[in-house]
Amino acid sequence: MLLPPSEGKTPPRARGPLLDLDALSAPGLTPMREKVLDALAAVSASPDALDILGVGPSIADDVARNVALRTATTAPATKVYTGVLYAAAGMDRLTPTARVRAADSVRIVSGLWGLVAPDDHIPAYRLSMGTDLPGIGPLAGAWRAALGVELQGRAEGELVVDCRSATYLAAWHPPRTADWVAVRVLRQERDGSRSVVSHSAKHTRGVLTRHLLTRRGKAPHDATTLARVAGELVGTDLLAVELGPPARGARTLSLVVA
């Protein structure tokens, strides 16, 4: 399961462990992480940092924190990422069994780290995959080759449940040999039509994530069984679940909400 990071992040406690790049999962990404981390620190110290990073003045403190990430305290990614999707997924309050399942199957695609496992210790930071970072370039393109090396073999012949937004999707596409399912959220309108939603889509993807991690029974192994498992949520958060035909390498799992 591939997730985006959250824009909202909770800074770790002041006495937590410091950042250790060598301790992160996917060590093959470390050289690129080093480059992006240094470039981000340099940009964040510049007078036009907010414009380059595409954020407003209310985020200035978050950007200032980027300058000292190498000596920042850390916490597990599931405690740092605290946006809508992660609040609904509740990945910081899983049972031991569900936590093992998350560690094995969930990866978070990040503009700064490339790829993060749920228990990886990271600091709070501010950087979107959509940023054109001086010294690096557009991040989605800069990460593409390294993420391909890391994920291609892992995805071969496997079900890939993709909850990423378009910004993070641009960094890596699963191979054609994978059973790739992109999760989309639609709203049922009063006139019977359906429309794509954005903010509540994060919540619904989080609900699906939690269901996949905490339900009893075997994990879904293909698109059809994924749709059936997602259908277990109909009558609670969902009105309907629909699995579309393959298009551009992916099938679309539409989760319909009120």
Protein backbone atom coordinates (compact mmCIF):
# COMPACT_ATOMS: atom_id res chain seq x y z
CA MET A 1 0.00 0.00 0.00
CA LEU A 2 1.41 3.38 -1.06
CA LEU A 3 0.42 6.50 0.87
CA PRO A 4 1.29 10.18 0.48
CA PRO A 5 2.74 12.04 3.47
CA SER A 6 0.50 14.54 5.24
CA GLU A 7 0.96 18.28 4.98
CA GLY A 8 0.20 18.51 8.68
CA LYS A 9 3.03 17.17 10.84
CA THR A 10 3.53 17.05 14.59
CA PRO A 11 7.07 17.93 15.72
CA PRO A 12 8.60 15.19 17.91
CA ARG A 13 9.38 15.82 21.55
CA ALA A 14 12.50 17.85 22.27
CA ARG A 15 14.25 14.87 23.90
CA GLY A 16 13.62 12.27 21.22
CA PRO A 17 16.33 10.48 19.20
CA LEU A 18 18.12 12.57 16.59
CA LEU A 19 17.85 11.98 12.85
CA ASP A 20 19.93 9.02 11.66
CA LEU A 21 19.72 8.60 7.90
CA ASP A 22 21.52 5.27 8.07
CA ALA A 23 18.76 3.87 10.28
CA LEU A 24 15.96 4.56 7.79
CA SER A 25 14.51 1.74 5.72
CA ALA A 26 15.39 1.52 2.02
CA PRO A 27 19.10 2.37 2.54
CA GLY A 28 19.63 2.53 -1.21
CA LEU A 29 17.87 5.91 -1.09
CA THR A 30 20.37 7.39 1.37
CA PRO A 31 22.59 9.18 -1.21
CA MET A 32 19.58 10.96 -2.70
CA ARG A 33 18.21 11.74 0.76
CA GLU A 34 21.51 13.41 1.61
CA LYS A 35 21.33 15.62 -1.48
CA VAL A 36 17.71 16.64 -0.99
CA LEU A 37 18.25 17.29 2.72
CA ASP A 38 21.20 19.62 2.04
CA ALA A 39 19.38 21.42 -0.77
CA LEU A 40 16.29 21.89 1.39
CA ALA A 41 18.33 23.33 4.27
CA ALA A 42 20.01 25.81 1.93
CA VAL A 43 16.74 26.91 0.35
CA SER A 44 14.96 27.19 3.70
CA ALA A 45 17.62 29.61 4.95
CA SER A 46 17.18 31.93 1.96
CA PRO A 47 15.00 35.08 1.95
CA ASP A 48 12.69 33.69 -0.75
CA ALA A 49 12.25 30.27 0.89
CA LEU A 50 8.46 30.55 1.19
CA ASP A 51 8.06 31.35 -2.50
CA ILE A 52 10.36 28.53 -3.62
CA LEU A 53 8.64 25.98 -1.38
CA GLY A 54 5.19 27.24 -2.40
CA VAL A 55 3.87 27.98 1.09
CA GLY A 56 2.37 30.99 2.84
CA PRO A 57 3.60 33.06 5.80
CA SER A 58 1.62 30.91 8.26
CA ILE A 59 4.06 28.06 7.49
CA ALA A 60 7.20 30.14 8.11
CA ASP A 61 8.04 28.34 11.37
CA ASP A 62 7.86 24.96 9.61
CA VAL A 63 10.19 26.19 6.88
CA ALA A 64 12.64 27.58 9.46
CA ARG A 65 12.73 24.13 11.05
CA ASN A 66 14.02 22.70 7.75
CA VAL A 67 17.37 24.42 8.26
CA ALA A 68 18.35 22.20 11.20
CA LEU A 69 16.83 18.84 10.24
CA ARG A 70 20.14 16.99 10.52
CA THR A 71 20.20 17.68 14.27
CA ALA A 72 16.43 17.53 14.81
CA THR A 73 14.68 15.08 17.11
CA THR A 74 12.60 12.36 15.51
CA ALA A 75 9.59 10.12 16.08
CA PRO A 76 8.04 7.26 14.10
CA ALA A 77 6.56 8.49 10.83
CA THR A 78 3.08 7.49 11.99
CA LYS A 79 3.39 9.96 14.88
CA VAL A 80 4.86 12.76 12.75
CA TYR A 81 2.31 12.51 9.91
CA THR A 82 -0.93 13.65 11.56
CA GLY A 83 -3.09 14.93 8.69
CA VAL A 84 -6.59 13.83 7.77
CA LEU A 85 -5.60 10.51 6.16
CA TYR A 86 -3.41 9.48 9.08
CA ALA A 87 -5.98 10.51 11.69
CA ALA A 88 -8.52 8.22 9.99
CA ALA A 89 -6.00 5.39 9.54
CA GLY A 90 -4.96 5.52 13.19
CA MET A 91 -1.62 3.94 12.39
CA ASP A 92 -0.15 5.19 15.66
CA ARG A 93 -2.61 3.08 17.64
CA LEU A 94 -2.54 -0.31 15.95
CA THR A 95 -2.51 -3.69 17.67
CA PRO A 96 0.82 -5.54 17.53
CA THR A 97 -0.49 -7.77 14.74
CA ALA A 98 -1.72 -4.82 12.67
CA ARG A 99 1.53 -2.98 13.29
CA VAL A 100 3.50 -5.89 11.83
CA ARG A 101 1.19 -5.88 8.82
CA ALA A 102 1.74 -2.13 8.36
CA ALA A 103 5.52 -2.45 8.65
CA ASP A 104 5.51 -5.11 5.96
CA SER A 105 3.04 -3.62 3.51
CA VAL A 106 2.76 0.18 3.91
CA ARG A 107 5.19 2.67 2.42
CA ILE A 108 4.88 6.46 2.39
CA VAL A 109 6.23 8.31 -0.64
CA SER A 110 7.97 11.54 0.43
CA GLY A 111 9.56 14.48 -1.32
CA LEU A 112 12.36 14.56 1.27
CA TRP A 113 12.96 10.89 2.14
CA GLY A 114 11.81 9.23 -1.08
CA LEU A 115 10.19 6.37 0.79
CA VAL A 116 9.36 5.96 4.48
CA ALA A 117 8.22 2.92 6.44
CA PRO A 118 5.67 3.51 9.24
CA ASP A 119 8.22 3.00 12.03
CA ASP A 120 11.04 5.01 10.44
CA HIS A 121 12.09 7.83 12.77
CA ILE A 122 11.90 11.22 11.03
CA PRO A 123 11.67 14.87 12.11
CA ALA A 124 8.84 17.20 11.15
CA TYR A 125 9.64 19.07 7.91
CA ARG A 126 8.05 21.01 5.10
CA LEU A 127 8.59 19.89 1.50
CA SER A 128 6.14 18.79 -1.18
CA MET A 129 6.95 16.38 -4.00
CA GLY A 130 5.64 19.09 -6.32
CA THR A 131 8.56 21.42 -5.48
CA ASP A 132 11.21 22.42 -8.01
CA LEU A 133 14.07 22.42 -5.51
CA PRO A 134 17.16 24.48 -6.48
CA GLY A 135 20.15 22.21 -6.83
CA ILE A 136 17.91 19.16 -7.35
CA GLY A 137 15.15 20.11 -9.81
CA PRO A 138 11.53 18.93 -9.81
CA LEU A 139 11.44 16.36 -7.03
CA ALA A 140 9.13 13.84 -8.69
CA GLY A 141 11.57 13.45 -11.56
CA ALA A 142 14.60 13.52 -9.29
CA TRP A 143 13.29 10.61 -7.22
CA ARG A 144 11.93 8.50 -10.07
CA ALA A 145 15.00 6.38 -10.84
CA ALA A 146 15.89 5.68 -7.21
CA LEU A 147 12.31 4.76 -6.32
CA GLY A 148 12.16 2.50 -9.35
CA VAL A 149 15.20 0.56 -8.13
CA GLU A 150 13.72 0.28 -4.65
CA LEU A 151 10.13 -0.60 -5.55
CA GLN A 152 10.14 -2.28 -8.96
CA GLY A 153 11.14 -5.74 -7.77
CA ARG A 154 8.93 -5.51 -4.71
CA ALA A 155 5.86 -4.74 -6.84
CA GLU A 156 6.41 -7.43 -9.48
CA GLY A 157 3.37 -9.70 -9.55
CA GLU A 158 1.91 -8.12 -6.40
CA LEU A 159 -1.20 -6.13 -5.57
CA VAL A 160 -0.33 -2.42 -5.22
CA VAL A 161 -3.01 -0.37 -3.45
CA ASP A 162 -2.22 3.21 -4.42
CA CYS A 163 -3.66 5.98 -2.24
CA ARG A 164 -1.28 8.69 -3.47
CA SER A 165 -2.35 12.02 -4.91
CA ALA A 166 -1.26 12.98 -8.43
CA THR A 167 1.73 14.95 -7.10
CA TYR A 168 3.24 11.84 -5.51
CA LEU A 169 2.04 9.46 -8.20
CA ALA A 170 4.37 11.29 -10.62
CA ALA A 171 7.42 10.01 -8.71
CA TRP A 172 6.86 6.33 -9.55
CA HIS A 173 4.44 4.09 -11.44
CA PRO A 174 4.22 0.38 -10.62
CA PRO A 175 5.31 -2.01 -13.41
CA ARG A 176 2.75 -3.56 -15.73
CA THR A 177 3.33 -6.90 -14.06
CA ALA A 178 1.84 -5.52 -10.83
CA ASP A 179 -1.89 -5.59 -10.06
CA TRP A 180 -2.01 -1.82 -9.63
CA VAL A 181 -5.17 -0.31 -8.14
CA ALA A 182 -5.55 3.46 -7.76
CA VAL A 183 -8.03 4.47 -5.03
CA ARG A 184 -10.45 7.28 -5.96
CA VAL A 185 -13.18 8.84 -3.81
CA LEU A 186 -16.45 10.08 -5.31
CA ARG A 187 -19.36 11.93 -3.76
CA GLN A 188 -22.92 10.83 -4.52
CA GLU A 189 -24.87 13.99 -5.41
CA ARG A 190 -28.58 14.44 -4.78
CA ASP A 191 -29.32 14.38 -8.50
CA GLY A 192 -27.66 10.98 -8.82
CA SER A 193 -24.45 12.25 -10.40
CA ARG A 194 -21.02 11.73 -8.85
CA SER A 195 -18.14 14.13 -8.37
CA VAL A 196 -14.50 13.71 -7.34
CA VAL A 197 -13.76 15.00 -3.84
CA SER A 198 -10.43 16.08 -2.39
CA HIS A 199 -10.37 16.84 1.35
CA SER A 200 -12.80 14.12 2.39
CA ALA A 201 -10.97 11.76 0.02
CA LYS A 202 -8.03 11.80 2.43
CA HIS A 203 -10.30 10.70 5.26
CA THR A 204 -11.86 7.92 3.18
CA ARG A 205 -8.48 6.61 2.04
CA GLY A 206 -7.44 6.59 5.69
CA VAL A 207 -10.53 4.58 6.61
CA LEU A 208 -9.69 2.04 3.89
CA THR A 209 -6.07 1.88 5.09
CA ARG A 210 -7.14 1.12 8.64
CA HIS A 211 -9.61 -1.50 7.49
CA LEU A 212 -6.98 -3.32 5.44
CA LEU A 213 -4.56 -3.31 8.38
CA THR A 214 -6.96 -4.29 11.16
CA ARG A 215 -9.55 -6.65 9.64
CA ARG A 216 -9.33 -10.35 10.34
CA GLY A 217 -8.58 -12.80 7.58
CA LYS A 218 -6.14 -12.90 4.72
CA ALA A 219 -5.02 -9.70 3.06
CA PRO A 220 -6.43 -9.16 -0.46
CA HIS A 221 -4.12 -10.55 -3.14
CA ASP A 222 -5.61 -8.98 -6.29
CA ALA A 223 -7.91 -6.17 -7.45
CA THR A 224 -11.06 -8.28 -7.23
CA THR A 225 -10.51 -9.37 -3.65
CA LEU A 226 -9.48 -5.80 -2.73
CA ALA A 227 -12.84 -4.54 -4.01
CA ARG A 228 -14.63 -7.23 -2.02
CA VAL A 229 -12.73 -6.33 1.15
CA ALA A 230 -13.38 -2.61 0.62
CA GLY A 231 -17.04 -3.51 0.16
CA GLU A 232 -17.11 -4.59 3.81
CA LEU A 233 -17.18 -0.85 4.62
CA VAL A 234 -20.39 -0.23 2.67
CA GLY A 235 -23.07 0.85 5.10
CA THR A 236 -20.58 2.60 7.39
CA ASP A 237 -18.35 5.18 5.71
CA LEU A 238 -19.17 4.11 2.16
CA LEU A 239 -22.28 4.00 0.00
CA ALA A 240 -20.74 1.84 -2.71
CA VAL A 241 -17.48 0.38 -4.05
CA GLU A 242 -16.80 -0.01 -7.77
CA LEU A 243 -13.80 -1.53 -9.54
CA GLY A 244 -13.11 -0.12 -12.99
CA PRO A 245 -11.35 -1.78 -15.94
CA PRO A 246 -7.59 -1.36 -16.49
CA ALA A 247 -6.51 2.00 -17.91
CA ARG A 248 -2.92 3.22 -18.33
CA GLY A 249 -1.65 0.31 -16.29
CA ALA A 250 -3.97 0.76 -13.31
CA ARG A 251 -7.47 -0.22 -12.32
CA THR A 252 -9.48 2.31 -10.35
CA LEU A 253 -11.22 1.42 -7.11
CA SER A 254 -13.94 4.04 -6.62
CA LEU A 255 -15.16 4.56 -3.07
CA VAL A 256 -18.50 6.38 -3.12
CA VAL A 257 -19.40 8.56 -0.13
CA ALA A 258 -22.40 10.73 0.72
